[in-house]
Each structure stands twice: as C-alpha cells, then as structure tokens.
C-alpha cells in the first residue's frame, strides 16, 4: 500500500473491500472454467499462478479490513 497523508474514508474502504471480494468470487468461477479448457501439461502452472494471485487478493482484503 502507498502511504498517504489524506485520512482514510472508512466507508470507501469498506466498499473497496466488498468490491474486491465480489471480484474474487467471479475469478474463482472463471478459474474453474479455464481449468477445463487448458492442456494437462499447463495445469500445474496455471494452478500455481492462480493461487499466487488469490494470495495477493486475500492479503489486500486483510489490509483493508484492518484499516
């Protein structure tokens, strides 16, 4: 996160957190669809990449909820 001198708007922050959670659900659905379309050779790499992305999203959500 970037440090800012402006005060954090808790409502805006909550809205952002909700939006990220909704997008994460959409991504989970798309991931499941993608996994049915890719070659088995690419499967492990795609799963690892998706997991890293989800970890970053979860970390962001945690930071928002703690703010």
C-alpha atoms as a PDB file:
ATOM      1  CA  UNK A   1       0.000   0.000   0.000  1.00  0.00           C
ATOM      2  CA  UNK A   2       1.083   3.530  -0.632  1.00  0.00           C
ATOM      3  CA  UNK A   3       1.365   5.801   2.385  1.00  0.00           C
ATOM      4  CA  UNK A   4      -0.836   8.849   2.137  1.00  0.00           C
ATOM      5  CA  UNK A   5      -1.310  11.928   4.231  1.00  0.00           C
ATOM      6  CA  UNK A   6      -5.017  12.027   3.433  1.00  0.00           C
ATOM      7  CA  UNK A   7      -7.363  10.494   6.030  1.00  0.00           C
ATOM      8  CA  UNK A   8      -8.821   7.105   5.156  1.00  0.00           C
ATOM      9  CA  UNK A   9     -12.549   7.138   4.444  1.00  0.00           C
ATOM     10  CA  UNK A  10     -13.874   4.016   6.233  1.00  0.00           C
ATOM     11  CA  UNK A  11     -16.961   3.821   4.024  1.00  0.00           C
ATOM     12  CA  UNK A  12     -14.893   3.988   0.838  1.00  0.00           C
ATOM     13  CA  UNK A  13     -12.531   1.386   2.248  1.00  0.00           C
ATOM     14  CA  UNK A  14     -15.420  -0.964   3.091  1.00  0.00           C
ATOM     15  CA  UNK A  15     -16.853  -0.510  -0.390  1.00  0.00           C
ATOM     16  CA  UNK A  16     -13.468  -1.339  -1.894  1.00  0.00           C
ATOM     17  CA  UNK A  17     -13.202  -4.466   0.249  1.00  0.00           C
ATOM     18  CA  UNK A  18     -16.673  -5.625  -0.792  1.00  0.00           C
ATOM     19  CA  UNK A  19     -15.874  -4.994  -4.435  1.00  0.00           C
ATOM     20  CA  UNK A  20     -12.653  -6.995  -4.215  1.00  0.00           C
ATOM     21  CA  UNK A  21     -14.485  -9.900  -2.557  1.00  0.00           C
ATOM     22  CA  UNK A  22     -17.108  -9.897  -5.346  1.00  0.00           C
ATOM     23  CA  UNK A  23     -14.396  -9.885  -7.998  1.00  0.00           C
ATOM     24  CA  UNK A  24     -12.639 -12.757  -6.239  1.00  0.00           C
ATOM     25  CA  UNK A  25     -15.813 -14.842  -6.492  1.00  0.00           C
ATOM     26  CA  UNK A  26     -16.021 -14.060 -10.220  1.00  0.00           C
ATOM     27  CA  UNK A  27     -12.384 -15.040 -10.640  1.00  0.00           C
ATOM     28  CA  UNK A  28     -12.985 -18.374  -8.881  1.00  0.00           C
ATOM     29  CA  UNK A  29     -15.760 -19.189 -11.359  1.00  0.00           C
ATOM     30  CA  UNK A  30     -13.606 -18.213 -14.329  1.00  0.00           C
ATOM     31  CA  UNK A  31     -10.660 -20.212 -12.966  1.00  0.00           C
ATOM     32  CA  UNK A  32     -12.818 -23.329 -12.813  1.00  0.00           C
ATOM     33  CA  UNK A  33     -13.917 -22.792 -16.412  1.00  0.00           C
ATOM     34  CA  UNK A  34     -10.345 -22.177 -17.587  1.00  0.00           C
ATOM     35  CA  UNK A  35      -9.092 -25.345 -15.914  1.00  0.00           C
ATOM     36  CA  UNK A  36     -11.479 -27.408 -18.044  1.00  0.00           C
ATOM     37  CA  UNK A  37     -10.092 -25.825 -21.228  1.00  0.00           C
ATOM     38  CA  UNK A  38      -6.318 -25.996 -20.765  1.00  0.00           C
ATOM     39  CA  UNK A  39      -3.933 -28.836 -21.514  1.00  0.00           C
ATOM     40  CA  UNK A  40      -2.944 -31.129 -18.691  1.00  0.00           C
ATOM     41  CA  UNK A  41       0.707 -30.098 -19.204  1.00  0.00           C
ATOM     42  CA  UNK A  42      -0.160 -26.489 -18.391  1.00  0.00           C
ATOM     43  CA  UNK A  43      -2.444 -27.307 -15.478  1.00  0.00           C
ATOM     44  CA  UNK A  44       0.129 -27.196 -12.663  1.00  0.00           C
ATOM     45  CA  UNK A  45       1.497 -23.809 -13.763  1.00  0.00           C
ATOM     46  CA  UNK A  46      -1.961 -22.308 -14.127  1.00  0.00           C
ATOM     47  CA  UNK A  47      -2.998 -23.507 -10.676  1.00  0.00           C
ATOM     48  CA  UNK A  48       0.182 -22.097  -9.110  1.00  0.00           C
ATOM     49  CA  UNK A  49      -0.322 -18.749 -10.841  1.00  0.00           C
ATOM     50  CA  UNK A  50      -3.975 -18.592  -9.764  1.00  0.00           C
ATOM     51  CA  UNK A  51      -3.017 -19.402  -6.172  1.00  0.00           C
ATOM     52  CA  UNK A  52      -0.446 -16.600  -6.070  1.00  0.00           C
ATOM     53  CA  UNK A  53      -2.999 -14.155  -7.409  1.00  0.00           C
ATOM     54  CA  UNK A  54      -5.569 -15.229  -4.818  1.00  0.00           C
ATOM     55  CA  UNK A  55      -2.995 -14.870  -2.031  1.00  0.00           C
ATOM     56  CA  UNK A  56      -2.361 -11.274  -3.092  1.00  0.00           C
ATOM     57  CA  UNK A  57      -6.091 -10.547  -3.139  1.00  0.00           C
ATOM     58  CA  UNK A  58      -6.572 -12.111   0.302  1.00  0.00           C
ATOM     59  CA  UNK A  59      -3.672 -10.037   1.675  1.00  0.00           C
ATOM     60  CA  UNK A  60      -5.249  -6.884   0.263  1.00  0.00           C
ATOM     61  CA  UNK A  61      -8.611  -7.738   1.824  1.00  0.00           C
ATOM     62  CA  UNK A  62      -6.938  -8.292   5.196  1.00  0.00           C
ATOM     63  CA  UNK A  63      -5.191  -4.923   4.975  1.00  0.00           C
ATOM     64  CA  UNK A  64      -8.480  -3.214   4.134  1.00  0.00           C
ATOM     65  CA  UNK A  65     -10.314  -4.884   6.999  1.00  0.00           C
ATOM     66  CA  UNK A  66      -7.596  -3.882   9.487  1.00  0.00           C
ATOM     67  CA  UNK A  67      -7.550  -0.238   8.379  1.00  0.00           C
END
